[in-house]
Each structure stands twice: as C-alpha cells, then as structure tokens.
Amino acid sequence: MPEHIEEYLIALEEREGTPRRTLNSLTIREPIRLLNPRSPVCVPPDAALRDAIGMMREHHIGCVLVVDGDRLLGILTERDLLLKVEIADLAKPIAEFMTPAPETLQLDDPIVWALNRMSVGGYRHVPLVDREGKPVGIVSVKDIVHYIVAFFPNEVLTLPPDPERGDVWSERDGA
C-alpha cells in the first residue's frame, strides 16, 4: 500500500474527527440497514417468466420477489433460471420456477445474520421484510462485499496489477 495514501487517510480522519473503523465481531453485528439495501423489484405470481427476466435485465439485478399484494410468496433468482428453466418455459408463470417461502430478515437484524443465511443456505440474496412481512428490500452478497471493502479501501482499491497473473492496466481514460 502506498505510504502517501495511508498518510492522506489518517490526516482526513483526524480532520473529520472520525476514528478509523475496523472490521470485527462488533461491526458485523451492525444492522443490515447500514448496507443501504436496494428496494425490491416485485412481481405477481402469475407474471410471465419472460417478463421477470426482462425486469432483472432492465434493473441489473439477480432476483425478483414474487408477491401477492404485500405478502411475500417467493423469490426468483438467477440460479432458479439456470437450474429450472427451459427455453419453452418463457411464457409460463414465474410461480412455477420461484423458490417458495424464502428465508427473510429485517432491516434491523445484524449483518452477521445475513452472512449466516448466505453461508449456511447457499443464498446470494435474502429478502428483507418489515414486521408485517411486507418486502422492503434485498440484501445481496455484493452489498456485504462492498461493506467489507469499505474497511480496507487502501488494500483493495489501490491494488496494483500483477504481471505474473496477466493483470494489465485498462486502456480506458478516466476513472
């Protein structure tokens, strides 16, 4: 890690008066809401599979929640599409392909619970619901990775290319 970046961050922290945060057992017990999870994209159970796929592409997301009114019925993920769908199925309702009654969490549940669900259950997305069970968000592995990277900005974001691995700098201009 370049020394001048470390010095800059320390000076910035001193100027702002905010101590440097560390990733530990306390920080992973902070509430999921700190991850700023995205609002869920919801579809009814009778929506055509092709429409759900279109929404996932349009919003650049890996899942949609299947709801009946405000009640969560299931989740349709990229994995469901890969494992359960044939080309001829695109007109069928997504209720036939979704994972029914997915495990859920709430915004004030600790981040470590999301990590547990994802690790033990093999999930990449966990729906977030309010106290009445209404979908209010989605937490993804990507959200948690971004949270962890924020604790190590120098080590991750300033990583130089490794010629031994075939890494090269991008030819693009700008950031």
N, C-alpha and C. Protein backbone atom coordinates (compact mmCIF):
# COMPACT_ATOMS: atom_id res chain seq x y z
N MET A 1 0.85 -1.17 0.00
CA MET A 1 0.00 0.00 0.00
C MET A 1 0.90 1.23 0.00
N PRO A 2 0.66 2.17 -0.93
CA PRO A 2 1.48 3.38 -0.96
C PRO A 2 1.36 4.17 0.34
N GLU A 3 2.52 4.58 0.85
CA GLU A 3 2.56 5.27 2.14
C GLU A 3 1.80 6.58 2.11
N HIS A 4 1.85 7.31 0.99
CA HIS A 4 1.20 8.62 0.92
C HIS A 4 -0.33 8.49 1.02
N ILE A 5 -0.90 7.39 0.56
CA ILE A 5 -2.35 7.19 0.66
C ILE A 5 -2.73 6.95 2.11
N GLU A 6 -1.93 6.13 2.81
CA GLU A 6 -2.19 5.87 4.23
C GLU A 6 -2.11 7.18 5.02
N GLU A 7 -1.10 7.99 4.74
CA GLU A 7 -0.96 9.28 5.44
C GLU A 7 -2.14 10.18 5.13
N TYR A 8 -2.57 10.21 3.88
CA TYR A 8 -3.71 11.04 3.50
C TYR A 8 -4.97 10.62 4.26
N LEU A 9 -5.23 9.32 4.34
CA LEU A 9 -6.42 8.84 5.04
C LEU A 9 -6.37 9.16 6.53
N ILE A 10 -5.21 9.01 7.14
CA ILE A 10 -5.07 9.34 8.56
C ILE A 10 -5.33 10.82 8.77
N ALA A 11 -4.76 11.67 7.91
CA ALA A 11 -4.98 13.12 8.03
C ALA A 11 -6.45 13.46 7.82
N LEU A 12 -7.09 12.80 6.87
CA LEU A 12 -8.51 13.04 6.61
C LEU A 12 -9.35 12.64 7.81
N GLU A 13 -9.04 11.50 8.41
CA GLU A 13 -9.77 11.06 9.60
C GLU A 13 -9.59 12.03 10.75
N GLU A 14 -8.36 12.53 10.94
CA GLU A 14 -8.10 13.48 12.02
C GLU A 14 -8.87 14.78 11.79
N ARG A 15 -8.89 15.23 10.54
CA ARG A 15 -9.59 16.48 10.20
C ARG A 15 -11.09 16.33 10.41
N GLU A 16 -11.63 15.18 10.03
CA GLU A 16 -13.06 14.97 10.17
C GLU A 16 -13.44 14.54 11.58
N GLY A 17 -12.45 14.17 12.38
CA GLY A 17 -12.72 13.76 13.75
C GLY A 17 -13.37 12.40 13.87
N THR A 18 -13.31 11.60 12.81
CA THR A 18 -13.91 10.27 12.86
C THR A 18 -12.80 9.23 13.00
N PRO A 19 -12.89 8.40 14.00
CA PRO A 19 -11.87 7.37 14.16
C PRO A 19 -11.97 6.33 13.05
N ARG A 20 -10.86 5.73 12.76
CA ARG A 20 -10.83 4.70 11.73
C ARG A 20 -11.57 3.46 12.23
N ARG A 21 -12.52 2.99 11.45
CA ARG A 21 -13.31 1.82 11.83
C ARG A 21 -12.56 0.55 11.47
N THR A 22 -12.77 -0.46 12.27
CA THR A 22 -12.16 -1.76 11.99
C THR A 22 -13.26 -2.80 11.86
N LEU A 23 -13.00 -3.78 11.03
CA LEU A 23 -13.93 -4.88 10.85
C LEU A 23 -13.68 -5.89 11.96
N ASN A 24 -14.70 -6.12 12.76
CA ASN A 24 -14.56 -7.06 13.86
C ASN A 24 -15.93 -7.64 14.21
N SER A 25 -16.00 -8.36 15.31
CA SER A 25 -17.26 -9.00 15.68
C SER A 25 -18.35 -7.98 16.01
N LEU A 26 -17.97 -6.78 16.37
CA LEU A 26 -18.99 -5.75 16.64
C LEU A 26 -19.53 -5.14 15.34
N THR A 27 -18.65 -4.88 14.39
CA THR A 27 -19.10 -4.24 13.15
C THR A 27 -19.98 -5.16 12.31
N ILE A 28 -19.78 -6.47 12.40
CA ILE A 28 -20.66 -7.35 11.62
C ILE A 28 -21.98 -7.59 12.34
N ARG A 29 -22.10 -7.05 13.54
CA ARG A 29 -23.37 -7.12 14.27
C ARG A 29 -24.18 -5.84 14.11
N GLU A 30 -23.69 -4.93 13.29
CA GLU A 30 -24.45 -3.72 12.99
C GLU A 30 -25.66 -4.10 12.14
N PRO A 31 -26.69 -3.25 12.13
CA PRO A 31 -27.91 -3.61 11.39
C PRO A 31 -27.72 -3.61 9.88
N ILE A 32 -28.46 -4.47 9.24
CA ILE A 32 -28.42 -4.60 7.79
C ILE A 32 -28.72 -3.28 7.10
N ARG A 33 -29.52 -2.42 7.71
CA ARG A 33 -29.86 -1.14 7.08
C ARG A 33 -28.62 -0.33 6.72
N LEU A 34 -27.48 -0.55 7.42
CA LEU A 34 -26.23 0.16 7.10
C LEU A 34 -25.70 -0.20 5.72
N LEU A 35 -26.14 -1.31 5.19
CA LEU A 35 -25.71 -1.73 3.85
C LEU A 35 -26.43 -0.97 2.75
N ASN A 36 -27.44 -0.18 3.12
CA ASN A 36 -28.27 0.53 2.15
C ASN A 36 -28.82 -0.42 1.10
N PRO A 37 -29.52 -1.45 1.55
CA PRO A 37 -30.03 -2.42 0.57
C PRO A 37 -31.01 -1.77 -0.41
N ARG A 38 -31.00 -2.28 -1.61
CA ARG A 38 -31.89 -1.72 -2.65
C ARG A 38 -33.33 -2.13 -2.39
N SER A 39 -34.23 -1.32 -2.91
CA SER A 39 -35.65 -1.66 -2.82
C SER A 39 -35.91 -2.88 -3.69
N PRO A 40 -36.83 -3.72 -3.28
CA PRO A 40 -37.07 -4.94 -4.07
C PRO A 40 -37.85 -4.64 -5.34
N VAL A 41 -37.59 -5.42 -6.36
CA VAL A 41 -38.42 -5.41 -7.56
C VAL A 41 -39.36 -6.58 -7.37
N CYS A 42 -40.65 -6.29 -7.37
CA CYS A 42 -41.66 -7.30 -7.06
C CYS A 42 -42.54 -7.59 -8.27
N VAL A 43 -42.94 -8.84 -8.40
CA VAL A 43 -43.84 -9.26 -9.47
C VAL A 43 -44.90 -10.17 -8.89
N PRO A 44 -46.08 -10.22 -9.53
CA PRO A 44 -47.11 -11.15 -9.06
C PRO A 44 -46.79 -12.57 -9.50
N PRO A 45 -47.36 -13.57 -8.85
CA PRO A 45 -47.04 -14.97 -9.17
C PRO A 45 -47.48 -15.39 -10.56
N ASP A 46 -48.43 -14.68 -11.15
CA ASP A 46 -48.88 -15.06 -12.49
C ASP A 46 -48.15 -14.32 -13.61
N ALA A 47 -47.15 -13.51 -13.25
CA ALA A 47 -46.36 -12.81 -14.27
C ALA A 47 -45.63 -13.84 -15.11
N ALA A 48 -45.50 -13.57 -16.39
CA ALA A 48 -44.77 -14.48 -17.28
C ALA A 48 -43.29 -14.47 -16.94
N LEU A 49 -42.68 -15.61 -17.03
CA LEU A 49 -41.26 -15.73 -16.75
C LEU A 49 -40.45 -14.75 -17.59
N ARG A 50 -40.81 -14.59 -18.85
CA ARG A 50 -40.07 -13.68 -19.74
C ARG A 50 -40.13 -12.26 -19.21
N ASP A 51 -41.26 -11.85 -18.59
CA ASP A 51 -41.37 -10.51 -18.02
C ASP A 51 -40.45 -10.34 -16.82
N ALA A 52 -40.37 -11.36 -15.98
CA ALA A 52 -39.48 -11.31 -14.81
C ALA A 52 -38.02 -11.22 -15.26
N ILE A 53 -37.66 -11.99 -16.28
CA ILE A 53 -36.30 -11.95 -16.81
C ILE A 53 -36.01 -10.55 -17.37
N GLY A 54 -36.98 -9.99 -18.07
CA GLY A 54 -36.82 -8.64 -18.61
C GLY A 54 -36.60 -7.61 -17.50
N MET A 55 -37.31 -7.75 -16.40
CA MET A 55 -37.14 -6.83 -15.28
C MET A 55 -35.76 -7.00 -14.64
N MET A 56 -35.30 -8.23 -14.53
CA MET A 56 -33.98 -8.46 -13.96
C MET A 56 -32.90 -7.85 -14.85
N ARG A 57 -33.05 -7.97 -16.14
CA ARG A 57 -32.09 -7.35 -17.07
C ARG A 57 -32.16 -5.84 -17.00
N GLU A 58 -33.37 -5.31 -17.03
CA GLU A 58 -33.56 -3.86 -17.03
C GLU A 58 -32.97 -3.21 -15.79
N HIS A 59 -33.15 -3.83 -14.64
CA HIS A 59 -32.69 -3.26 -13.37
C HIS A 59 -31.29 -3.75 -12.97
N HIS A 60 -30.69 -4.63 -13.78
CA HIS A 60 -29.37 -5.19 -13.49
C HIS A 60 -29.34 -5.83 -12.10
N ILE A 61 -30.28 -6.73 -11.86
CA ILE A 61 -30.40 -7.38 -10.56
C ILE A 61 -30.42 -8.89 -10.73
N GLY A 62 -30.14 -9.61 -9.66
CA GLY A 62 -30.06 -11.06 -9.71
C GLY A 62 -31.29 -11.78 -9.22
N CYS A 63 -32.34 -11.02 -8.83
CA CYS A 63 -33.55 -11.68 -8.37
C CYS A 63 -34.73 -10.71 -8.37
N VAL A 64 -35.91 -11.29 -8.37
CA VAL A 64 -37.14 -10.52 -8.15
C VAL A 64 -37.92 -11.24 -7.07
N LEU A 65 -38.69 -10.47 -6.31
CA LEU A 65 -39.54 -11.07 -5.29
C LEU A 65 -40.92 -11.31 -5.87
N VAL A 66 -41.50 -12.44 -5.54
CA VAL A 66 -42.83 -12.79 -6.01
C VAL A 66 -43.79 -12.49 -4.86
N VAL A 67 -44.74 -11.58 -5.12
CA VAL A 67 -45.65 -11.13 -4.06
C VAL A 67 -47.09 -11.21 -4.52
N ASP A 68 -47.96 -11.39 -3.54
CA ASP A 68 -49.40 -11.31 -3.75
C ASP A 68 -49.84 -10.15 -2.88
N GLY A 69 -50.06 -8.99 -3.49
CA GLY A 69 -50.32 -7.78 -2.71
C GLY A 69 -49.07 -7.41 -1.97
N ASP A 70 -49.14 -7.39 -0.63
CA ASP A 70 -47.97 -7.10 0.20
C ASP A 70 -47.35 -8.35 0.80
N ARG A 71 -47.84 -9.51 0.43
CA ARG A 71 -47.38 -10.76 1.04
C ARG A 71 -46.32 -11.43 0.16
N LEU A 72 -45.17 -11.71 0.74
CA LEU A 72 -44.08 -12.37 0.03
C LEU A 72 -44.40 -13.85 -0.16
N LEU A 73 -44.40 -14.28 -1.42
CA LEU A 73 -44.65 -15.69 -1.73
C LEU A 73 -43.39 -16.46 -2.05
N GLY A 74 -42.45 -15.77 -2.69
CA GLY A 74 -41.25 -16.47 -3.13
C GLY A 74 -40.23 -15.51 -3.70
N ILE A 75 -39.14 -16.09 -4.18
CA ILE A 75 -38.07 -15.34 -4.82
C ILE A 75 -37.65 -16.08 -6.08
N LEU A 76 -37.45 -15.35 -7.15
CA LEU A 76 -36.95 -15.93 -8.40
C LEU A 76 -35.55 -15.38 -8.59
N THR A 77 -34.56 -16.28 -8.62
CA THR A 77 -33.17 -15.87 -8.71
C THR A 77 -32.54 -16.34 -10.01
N GLU A 78 -31.35 -15.83 -10.28
CA GLU A 78 -30.59 -16.30 -11.44
C GLU A 78 -30.37 -17.80 -11.36
N ARG A 79 -30.14 -18.30 -10.18
CA ARG A 79 -29.91 -19.73 -10.02
C ARG A 79 -31.16 -20.53 -10.39
N ASP A 80 -32.36 -20.01 -10.00
CA ASP A 80 -33.60 -20.68 -10.40
C ASP A 80 -33.68 -20.75 -11.92
N LEU A 81 -33.30 -19.66 -12.58
CA LEU A 81 -33.36 -19.64 -14.04
C LEU A 81 -32.41 -20.66 -14.66
N LEU A 82 -31.21 -20.76 -14.11
CA LEU A 82 -30.24 -21.70 -14.65
C LEU A 82 -30.62 -23.16 -14.43
N LEU A 83 -31.20 -23.44 -13.28
CA LEU A 83 -31.45 -24.83 -12.91
C LEU A 83 -32.83 -25.36 -13.28
N LYS A 84 -33.81 -24.47 -13.44
CA LYS A 84 -35.19 -24.94 -13.59
C LYS A 84 -35.85 -24.61 -14.93
N VAL A 85 -35.27 -23.71 -15.70
CA VAL A 85 -35.98 -23.18 -16.87
C VAL A 85 -35.46 -23.77 -18.18
N GLU A 86 -36.40 -24.10 -19.05
CA GLU A 86 -36.11 -24.49 -20.43
C GLU A 86 -36.61 -23.37 -21.33
N ILE A 87 -36.11 -23.26 -22.52
CA ILE A 87 -36.48 -22.18 -23.44
C ILE A 87 -37.99 -22.10 -23.63
N ALA A 88 -38.65 -23.22 -23.73
CA ALA A 88 -40.09 -23.24 -23.99
C ALA A 88 -40.90 -22.73 -22.79
N ASP A 89 -40.27 -22.53 -21.65
CA ASP A 89 -40.98 -22.15 -20.43
C ASP A 89 -41.21 -20.65 -20.28
N LEU A 90 -40.72 -19.85 -21.19
CA LEU A 90 -40.73 -18.39 -21.00
C LEU A 90 -42.11 -17.78 -20.85
N ALA A 91 -43.14 -18.41 -21.35
CA ALA A 91 -44.49 -17.86 -21.23
C ALA A 91 -45.19 -18.33 -19.95
N LYS A 92 -44.60 -19.30 -19.27
CA LYS A 92 -45.22 -19.83 -18.05
C LYS A 92 -45.10 -18.83 -16.91
N PRO A 93 -45.99 -18.93 -15.92
CA PRO A 93 -45.92 -18.02 -14.78
C PRO A 93 -44.70 -18.33 -13.90
N ILE A 94 -44.14 -17.29 -13.32
CA ILE A 94 -42.93 -17.49 -12.52
C ILE A 94 -43.19 -18.30 -11.27
N ALA A 95 -44.43 -18.40 -10.84
CA ALA A 95 -44.74 -19.19 -9.65
C ALA A 95 -44.27 -20.63 -9.80
N GLU A 96 -44.14 -21.10 -11.04
CA GLU A 96 -43.69 -22.48 -11.28
C GLU A 96 -42.18 -22.65 -11.08
N PHE A 97 -41.44 -21.54 -11.04
CA PHE A 97 -39.98 -21.62 -11.00
C PHE A 97 -39.36 -20.97 -9.76
N MET A 98 -40.14 -20.18 -9.06
CA MET A 98 -39.61 -19.46 -7.90
C MET A 98 -39.27 -20.41 -6.76
N THR A 99 -38.46 -19.91 -5.86
CA THR A 99 -38.21 -20.61 -4.60
C THR A 99 -39.28 -20.12 -3.64
N PRO A 100 -40.19 -20.99 -3.21
CA PRO A 100 -41.29 -20.52 -2.35
C PRO A 100 -40.83 -20.28 -0.91
N ALA A 101 -41.53 -19.38 -0.25
CA ALA A 101 -41.32 -19.08 1.17
C ALA A 101 -39.85 -18.93 1.53
N PRO A 102 -39.16 -17.97 0.90
CA PRO A 102 -37.73 -17.83 1.20
C PRO A 102 -37.49 -17.34 2.62
N GLU A 103 -36.32 -17.65 3.14
CA GLU A 103 -35.93 -17.12 4.44
C GLU A 103 -35.79 -15.61 4.30
N THR A 104 -36.21 -14.89 5.32
CA THR A 104 -36.17 -13.43 5.27
C THR A 104 -35.47 -12.88 6.50
N LEU A 105 -35.10 -11.62 6.40
CA LEU A 105 -34.55 -10.87 7.53
C LEU A 105 -35.22 -9.50 7.55
N GLN A 106 -34.95 -8.74 8.61
CA GLN A 106 -35.46 -7.38 8.72
C GLN A 106 -34.29 -6.40 8.71
N LEU A 107 -34.58 -5.14 8.41
CA LEU A 107 -33.55 -4.12 8.29
C LEU A 107 -32.72 -3.95 9.56
N ASP A 108 -33.31 -4.20 10.71
CA ASP A 108 -32.58 -4.03 11.97
C ASP A 108 -31.89 -5.30 12.46
N ASP A 109 -32.01 -6.39 11.71
CA ASP A 109 -31.27 -7.61 12.04
C ASP A 109 -29.79 -7.36 11.77
N PRO A 110 -28.91 -8.04 12.50
CA PRO A 110 -27.47 -7.83 12.29
C PRO A 110 -26.98 -8.39 10.96
N ILE A 111 -25.98 -7.73 10.42
CA ILE A 111 -25.37 -8.16 9.16
C ILE A 111 -24.89 -9.60 9.26
N VAL A 112 -24.39 -9.99 10.43
CA VAL A 112 -23.89 -11.34 10.61
C VAL A 112 -24.99 -12.39 10.36
N TRP A 113 -26.25 -12.04 10.62
CA TRP A 113 -27.34 -12.98 10.33
C TRP A 113 -27.47 -13.20 8.82
N ALA A 114 -27.30 -12.12 8.05
CA ALA A 114 -27.35 -12.26 6.59
C ALA A 114 -26.19 -13.14 6.12
N LEU A 115 -25.00 -12.92 6.69
CA LEU A 115 -23.85 -13.76 6.35
C LEU A 115 -24.13 -15.22 6.67
N ASN A 116 -24.75 -15.46 7.82
CA ASN A 116 -25.08 -16.83 8.22
C ASN A 116 -26.04 -17.46 7.23
N ARG A 117 -27.12 -16.76 6.89
CA ARG A 117 -28.12 -17.31 5.95
C ARG A 117 -27.46 -17.62 4.61
N MET A 118 -26.62 -16.69 4.14
CA MET A 118 -25.99 -16.88 2.84
C MET A 118 -25.00 -18.04 2.86
N SER A 119 -24.25 -18.15 3.93
CA SER A 119 -23.25 -19.21 4.02
C SER A 119 -23.88 -20.58 4.23
N VAL A 120 -24.78 -20.69 5.19
CA VAL A 120 -25.39 -21.97 5.51
C VAL A 120 -26.37 -22.41 4.43
N GLY A 121 -27.19 -21.46 3.94
CA GLY A 121 -28.20 -21.81 2.94
C GLY A 121 -27.73 -21.76 1.51
N GLY A 122 -26.54 -21.18 1.28
CA GLY A 122 -26.03 -21.06 -0.09
C GLY A 122 -26.75 -20.00 -0.89
N TYR A 123 -27.31 -18.99 -0.22
CA TYR A 123 -28.05 -17.93 -0.90
C TYR A 123 -27.13 -16.79 -1.30
N ARG A 124 -27.49 -16.11 -2.38
CA ARG A 124 -26.79 -14.89 -2.76
C ARG A 124 -27.65 -13.67 -2.50
N HIS A 125 -28.93 -13.89 -2.25
CA HIS A 125 -29.88 -12.81 -1.98
C HIS A 125 -30.80 -13.24 -0.84
N VAL A 126 -31.07 -12.31 0.08
CA VAL A 126 -32.01 -12.56 1.16
C VAL A 126 -33.02 -11.42 1.16
N PRO A 127 -34.31 -11.73 1.02
CA PRO A 127 -35.33 -10.67 1.07
C PRO A 127 -35.40 -10.06 2.47
N LEU A 128 -35.65 -8.76 2.50
CA LEU A 128 -35.85 -8.04 3.75
C LEU A 128 -37.31 -7.66 3.85
N VAL A 129 -37.91 -7.90 5.00
CA VAL A 129 -39.33 -7.60 5.21
C VAL A 129 -39.50 -6.74 6.45
N ASP A 130 -40.66 -6.06 6.53
CA ASP A 130 -40.98 -5.31 7.74
C ASP A 130 -41.65 -6.25 8.74
N ARG A 131 -42.11 -5.71 9.85
CA ARG A 131 -42.71 -6.54 10.91
C ARG A 131 -43.95 -7.29 10.45
N GLU A 132 -44.64 -6.75 9.44
CA GLU A 132 -45.84 -7.41 8.92
C GLU A 132 -45.52 -8.39 7.80
N GLY A 133 -44.25 -8.52 7.44
CA GLY A 133 -43.86 -9.44 6.39
C GLY A 133 -43.87 -8.84 5.00
N LYS A 134 -44.08 -7.52 4.89
CA LYS A 134 -44.08 -6.85 3.59
C LYS A 134 -42.64 -6.65 3.12
N PRO A 135 -42.33 -7.01 1.86
CA PRO A 135 -40.97 -6.82 1.35
C PRO A 135 -40.57 -5.34 1.33
N VAL A 136 -39.38 -5.07 1.86
CA VAL A 136 -38.88 -3.69 1.89
C VAL A 136 -37.49 -3.57 1.29
N GLY A 137 -36.85 -4.70 0.96
CA GLY A 137 -35.52 -4.63 0.39
C GLY A 137 -34.96 -6.01 0.09
N ILE A 138 -33.76 -5.99 -0.43
CA ILE A 138 -33.00 -7.20 -0.73
C ILE A 138 -31.57 -6.94 -0.26
N VAL A 139 -30.99 -7.89 0.44
CA VAL A 139 -29.56 -7.80 0.76
C VAL A 139 -28.87 -8.88 -0.06
N SER A 140 -27.78 -8.50 -0.70
CA SER A 140 -27.06 -9.43 -1.57
C SER A 140 -25.63 -9.61 -1.08
N VAL A 141 -24.99 -10.64 -1.58
CA VAL A 141 -23.59 -10.87 -1.28
C VAL A 141 -22.79 -9.63 -1.68
N LYS A 142 -23.15 -9.03 -2.79
CA LYS A 142 -22.46 -7.84 -3.28
C LYS A 142 -22.53 -6.71 -2.26
N ASP A 143 -23.69 -6.53 -1.62
CA ASP A 143 -23.83 -5.50 -0.59
C ASP A 143 -22.84 -5.73 0.55
N ILE A 144 -22.71 -6.97 0.96
CA ILE A 144 -21.82 -7.30 2.07
C ILE A 144 -20.36 -7.14 1.66
N VAL A 145 -20.03 -7.52 0.44
CA VAL A 145 -18.66 -7.34 -0.04
C VAL A 145 -18.30 -5.85 -0.05
N HIS A 146 -19.20 -5.00 -0.53
CA HIS A 146 -18.94 -3.56 -0.53
C HIS A 146 -18.74 -3.04 0.89
N TYR A 147 -19.52 -3.54 1.82
CA TYR A 147 -19.39 -3.15 3.22
C TYR A 147 -18.01 -3.52 3.76
N ILE A 148 -17.55 -4.72 3.45
CA ILE A 148 -16.24 -5.18 3.92
C ILE A 148 -15.12 -4.40 3.25
N VAL A 149 -15.23 -4.15 1.95
CA VAL A 149 -14.21 -3.40 1.23
C VAL A 149 -14.03 -2.00 1.82
N ALA A 150 -15.10 -1.41 2.33
CA ALA A 150 -15.02 -0.06 2.91
C ALA A 150 -14.08 -0.03 4.12
N PHE A 151 -13.82 -1.17 4.74
CA PHE A 151 -12.88 -1.23 5.87
C PHE A 151 -11.43 -1.32 5.40
N PHE A 152 -11.22 -1.66 4.14
CA PHE A 152 -9.88 -1.84 3.60
C PHE A 152 -9.72 -1.10 2.27
N PRO A 153 -10.05 0.20 2.21
CA PRO A 153 -10.03 0.88 0.91
C PRO A 153 -8.65 0.90 0.27
N ASN A 154 -7.61 1.12 1.07
CA ASN A 154 -6.26 1.16 0.51
C ASN A 154 -5.84 -0.19 -0.06
N GLU A 155 -6.06 -1.22 0.73
CA GLU A 155 -5.61 -2.55 0.34
C GLU A 155 -6.36 -3.09 -0.88
N VAL A 156 -7.62 -2.73 -1.03
CA VAL A 156 -8.43 -3.28 -2.11
C VAL A 156 -8.47 -2.36 -3.33
N LEU A 157 -8.73 -1.09 -3.09
CA LEU A 157 -8.98 -0.18 -4.21
C LEU A 157 -7.71 0.34 -4.87
N THR A 158 -6.57 0.22 -4.22
CA THR A 158 -5.31 0.68 -4.82
C THR A 158 -4.39 -0.48 -5.17
N LEU A 159 -4.94 -1.65 -5.28
CA LEU A 159 -4.16 -2.84 -5.59
C LEU A 159 -3.54 -2.70 -6.98
N PRO A 160 -2.22 -2.78 -7.08
CA PRO A 160 -1.60 -2.64 -8.41
C PRO A 160 -1.78 -3.92 -9.22
N PRO A 161 -1.64 -3.81 -10.54
CA PRO A 161 -1.75 -5.01 -11.36
C PRO A 161 -0.59 -5.97 -11.06
N ASP A 162 -0.83 -7.24 -11.27
CA ASP A 162 0.18 -8.27 -11.04
C ASP A 162 0.53 -8.90 -12.38
N PRO A 163 1.67 -8.53 -12.95
CA PRO A 163 2.04 -9.06 -14.27
C PRO A 163 2.16 -10.59 -14.28
N GLU A 164 2.50 -11.18 -13.13
CA GLU A 164 2.62 -12.64 -13.04
C GLU A 164 1.27 -13.32 -13.33
N ARG A 165 0.16 -12.64 -12.98
CA ARG A 165 -1.18 -13.19 -13.18
C ARG A 165 -1.78 -12.76 -14.50
N GLY A 166 -1.07 -11.92 -15.24
CA GLY A 166 -1.61 -11.45 -16.50
C GLY A 166 -2.45 -10.20 -16.35
N ASP A 167 -2.44 -9.59 -15.13
CA ASP A 167 -3.18 -8.34 -14.94
C ASP A 167 -2.50 -7.24 -15.73
N VAL A 168 -3.31 -6.41 -16.37
CA VAL A 168 -2.79 -5.24 -17.08
C VAL A 168 -3.69 -4.06 -16.76
N TRP A 169 -3.14 -2.88 -16.88
CA TRP A 169 -3.94 -1.68 -16.68
C TRP A 169 -4.91 -1.54 -17.83
N SER A 170 -6.05 -1.02 -17.55
CA SER A 170 -7.07 -0.81 -18.57
C SER A 170 -6.61 0.28 -19.53
N GLU A 171 -7.02 0.18 -20.76
CA GLU A 171 -6.70 1.17 -21.75
C GLU A 171 -7.66 2.37 -21.71
N ARG A 172 -8.69 2.28 -20.85
CA ARG A 172 -9.69 3.34 -20.78
C ARG A 172 -9.09 4.60 -20.16
N ASP A 173 -9.58 5.75 -20.60
CA ASP A 173 -9.22 7.00 -19.96
C ASP A 173 -10.17 7.25 -18.81
N GLY A 174 -9.70 7.96 -17.80
CA GLY A 174 -10.57 8.35 -16.70
C GLY A 174 -10.69 7.27 -15.66
N ALA A 175 -11.63 7.49 -14.76
CA ALA A 175 -11.80 6.59 -13.62
C ALA A 175 -12.65 5.40 -13.93
